[in-house]
Amino acid sequence: MNTANLQLEGLYLALAAINEALVAKGLLTTEEIGLALRRAEAIATGDDRIVEDLSPANRDAVCFPIRLLQLANNPRAQQDLPTFSQLAKMVGQTKEPYNDQM
């Protein structure tokens, strides 16, 4: 496996833990974090370069970390944070098709 991929897996889990800590300290709510992540995904999927120049698989790659963090932000997940592979599987299971794939 590519070392960069392993580093990114660690980074995503670290960001999920930071988000959890922000909620635990009362600095942000899960709803506020969720809103920020939804905004990030909307910006990513609304970027003309991404929509016009990238395949649906590459668009999914751009949105993958955002979607993973959205799932990790789920209050149920915070009680027992799933592993990276569990979160990655959930991202694939919950992915919506793009409008141009219909």
C-alpha atoms as a PDB file:
ATOM      1  CA  MET A   1       0.000   0.000   0.000  1.00  0.00           C
ATOM      2  CA  ASN A   2       1.155   3.519  -0.749  1.00  0.00           C
ATOM      3  CA  THR A   3       2.595   5.204   2.361  1.00  0.00           C
ATOM      4  CA  ALA A   4       0.771   8.438   1.503  1.00  0.00           C
ATOM      5  CA  ASN A   5      -2.541   6.577   1.738  1.00  0.00           C
ATOM      6  CA  LEU A   6      -1.661   5.363   5.221  1.00  0.00           C
ATOM      7  CA  GLN A   7      -0.705   8.877   6.237  1.00  0.00           C
ATOM      8  CA  LEU A   8      -4.020  10.201   4.954  1.00  0.00           C
ATOM      9  CA  GLU A   9      -5.912   7.516   6.869  1.00  0.00           C
ATOM     10  CA  GLY A  10      -4.193   8.684  10.042  1.00  0.00           C
ATOM     11  CA  LEU A  11      -4.934  12.310   9.225  1.00  0.00           C
ATOM     12  CA  TYR A  12      -8.650  11.634   8.712  1.00  0.00           C
ATOM     13  CA  LEU A  13      -8.876   9.792  12.018  1.00  0.00           C
ATOM     14  CA  ALA A  14      -6.976  12.597  13.749  1.00  0.00           C
ATOM     15  CA  LEU A  15      -9.396  15.181  12.340  1.00  0.00           C
ATOM     16  CA  ALA A  16     -12.325  13.062  13.491  1.00  0.00           C
ATOM     17  CA  ALA A  17     -10.828  12.933  17.005  1.00  0.00           C
ATOM     18  CA  ILE A  18     -10.255  16.707  16.992  1.00  0.00           C
ATOM     19  CA  ASN A  19     -13.862  17.272  15.955  1.00  0.00           C
ATOM     20  CA  GLU A  20     -14.981  14.997  18.774  1.00  0.00           C
ATOM     21  CA  ALA A  21     -12.834  16.952  21.253  1.00  0.00           C
ATOM     22  CA  LEU A  22     -14.305  20.261  20.056  1.00  0.00           C
ATOM     23  CA  VAL A  23     -17.793  18.917  20.720  1.00  0.00           C
ATOM     24  CA  ALA A  24     -16.805  17.443  24.098  1.00  0.00           C
ATOM     25  CA  LYS A  25     -15.408  20.830  25.210  1.00  0.00           C
ATOM     26  CA  GLY A  26     -18.561  22.587  24.045  1.00  0.00           C
ATOM     27  CA  LEU A  27     -16.704  24.713  21.495  1.00  0.00           C
ATOM     28  CA  LEU A  28     -18.774  23.400  18.585  1.00  0.00           C
ATOM     29  CA  THR A  29     -21.827  21.194  18.278  1.00  0.00           C
ATOM     30  CA  THR A  30     -22.041  18.150  16.046  1.00  0.00           C
ATOM     31  CA  GLU A  31     -24.566  20.138  14.018  1.00  0.00           C
ATOM     32  CA  GLU A  32     -22.079  22.988  13.483  1.00  0.00           C
ATOM     33  CA  ILE A  33     -19.364  20.577  12.419  1.00  0.00           C
ATOM     34  CA  GLY A  34     -21.842  18.819  10.151  1.00  0.00           C
ATOM     35  CA  LEU A  35     -22.838  22.121   8.556  1.00  0.00           C
ATOM     36  CA  ALA A  36     -19.181  23.026   7.929  1.00  0.00           C
ATOM     37  CA  LEU A  37     -18.558  19.640   6.323  1.00  0.00           C
ATOM     38  CA  ARG A  38     -21.691  19.893   4.157  1.00  0.00           C
ATOM     39  CA  ARG A  39     -20.524  23.329   3.005  1.00  0.00           C
ATOM     40  CA  ALA A  40     -17.100  21.908   2.156  1.00  0.00           C
ATOM     41  CA  GLU A  41     -18.687  19.124   0.106  1.00  0.00           C
ATOM     42  CA  ALA A  42     -20.977  21.597  -1.676  1.00  0.00           C
ATOM     43  CA  ILE A  43     -17.976  23.741  -2.573  1.00  0.00           C
ATOM     44  CA  ALA A  44     -16.042  20.700  -3.792  1.00  0.00           C
ATOM     45  CA  THR A  45     -18.888  19.344  -5.910  1.00  0.00           C
ATOM     46  CA  GLY A  46     -19.796  22.807  -7.197  1.00  0.00           C
ATOM     47  CA  ASP A  47     -16.256  23.550  -8.398  1.00  0.00           C
ATOM     48  CA  ASP A  48     -16.442  23.757 -12.200  1.00  0.00           C
ATOM     49  CA  ARG A  49     -13.038  22.071 -12.549  1.00  0.00           C
ATOM     50  CA  ILE A  50     -14.254  19.092 -10.565  1.00  0.00           C
ATOM     51  CA  VAL A  51     -17.625  18.840 -12.285  1.00  0.00           C
ATOM     52  CA  GLU A  52     -16.339  19.277 -15.840  1.00  0.00           C
ATOM     53  CA  ASP A  53     -12.848  17.770 -15.786  1.00  0.00           C
ATOM     54  CA  LEU A  54     -13.016  14.867 -13.366  1.00  0.00           C
ATOM     55  CA  SER A  55     -14.660  11.504 -13.700  1.00  0.00           C
ATOM     56  CA  PRO A  56     -17.280  10.521 -11.114  1.00  0.00           C
ATOM     57  CA  ALA A  57     -14.674   8.259  -9.458  1.00  0.00           C
ATOM     58  CA  ASN A  58     -12.255  11.166  -9.132  1.00  0.00           C
ATOM     59  CA  ARG A  59     -15.025  13.394  -7.761  1.00  0.00           C
ATOM     60  CA  ASP A  60     -15.690  10.713  -5.174  1.00  0.00           C
ATOM     61  CA  ALA A  61     -11.992  10.786  -4.293  1.00  0.00           C
ATOM     62  CA  VAL A  62     -12.153  14.558  -3.718  1.00  0.00           C
ATOM     63  CA  CYS A  63     -15.233  14.183  -1.507  1.00  0.00           C
ATOM     64  CA  PHE A  64     -14.140  11.028   0.317  1.00  0.00           C
ATOM     65  CA  PRO A  65     -12.420  12.716   3.297  1.00  0.00           C
ATOM     66  CA  ILE A  66     -15.337  15.098   3.779  1.00  0.00           C
ATOM     67  CA  ARG A  67     -17.854  12.251   3.716  1.00  0.00           C
ATOM     68  CA  LEU A  68     -15.746  10.150   6.073  1.00  0.00           C
ATOM     69  CA  LEU A  69     -15.586  13.018   8.576  1.00  0.00           C
ATOM     70  CA  GLN A  70     -19.346  13.538   8.247  1.00  0.00           C
ATOM     71  CA  LEU A  71     -19.922   9.910   9.229  1.00  0.00           C
ATOM     72  CA  ALA A  72     -17.410  10.153  12.081  1.00  0.00           C
ATOM     73  CA  ASN A  73     -19.280  13.267  13.283  1.00  0.00           C
ATOM     74  CA  ASN A  74     -22.369  11.152  13.938  1.00  0.00           C
ATOM     75  CA  PRO A  75     -23.038  11.226  17.714  1.00  0.00           C
ATOM     76  CA  ARG A  76     -23.408   7.420  17.759  1.00  0.00           C
ATOM     77  CA  ALA A  77     -19.971   7.065  16.157  1.00  0.00           C
ATOM     78  CA  GLN A  78     -18.434   9.308  18.799  1.00  0.00           C
ATOM     79  CA  GLN A  79     -19.314   6.841  21.551  1.00  0.00           C
ATOM     80  CA  ASP A  80     -17.106   4.243  19.879  1.00  0.00           C
ATOM     81  CA  LEU A  81     -15.278   5.751  16.894  1.00  0.00           C
ATOM     82  CA  PRO A  82     -15.328   3.208  14.055  1.00  0.00           C
ATOM     83  CA  THR A  83     -12.084   2.127  12.430  1.00  0.00           C
ATOM     84  CA  PHE A  84     -10.945   3.757   9.203  1.00  0.00           C
ATOM     85  CA  SER A  85     -12.011   0.723   7.170  1.00  0.00           C
ATOM     86  CA  GLN A  86     -15.473   0.738   8.772  1.00  0.00           C
ATOM     87  CA  LEU A  87     -15.889   4.445   8.011  1.00  0.00           C
ATOM     88  CA  ALA A  88     -14.608   3.977   4.445  1.00  0.00           C
ATOM     89  CA  LYS A  89     -17.116   1.177   3.875  1.00  0.00           C
ATOM     90  CA  MET A  90     -19.931   3.401   5.185  1.00  0.00           C
ATOM     91  CA  VAL A  91     -18.863   6.176   2.791  1.00  0.00           C
ATOM     92  CA  GLY A  92     -19.277   3.774  -0.126  1.00  0.00           C
ATOM     93  CA  GLN A  93     -22.628   2.520   1.136  1.00  0.00           C
ATOM     94  CA  THR A  94     -24.108   5.998   1.636  1.00  0.00           C
ATOM     95  CA  LYS A  95     -22.768   7.701  -1.505  1.00  0.00           C
ATOM     96  CA  GLU A  96     -25.383   9.441  -3.631  1.00  0.00           C
ATOM     97  CA  PRO A  97     -25.081   9.353  -7.438  1.00  0.00           C
ATOM     98  CA  TYR A  98     -24.116  12.545  -9.231  1.00  0.00           C
ATOM     99  CA  ASN A  99     -26.741  14.248 -11.377  1.00  0.00           C
ATOM    100  CA  ASP A 100     -24.807  13.553 -14.576  1.00  0.00           C
ATOM    101  CA  GLN A 101     -24.673   9.802 -13.810  1.00  0.00           C
ATOM    102  CA  MET A 102     -28.420   9.378 -14.235  1.00  0.00           C
END
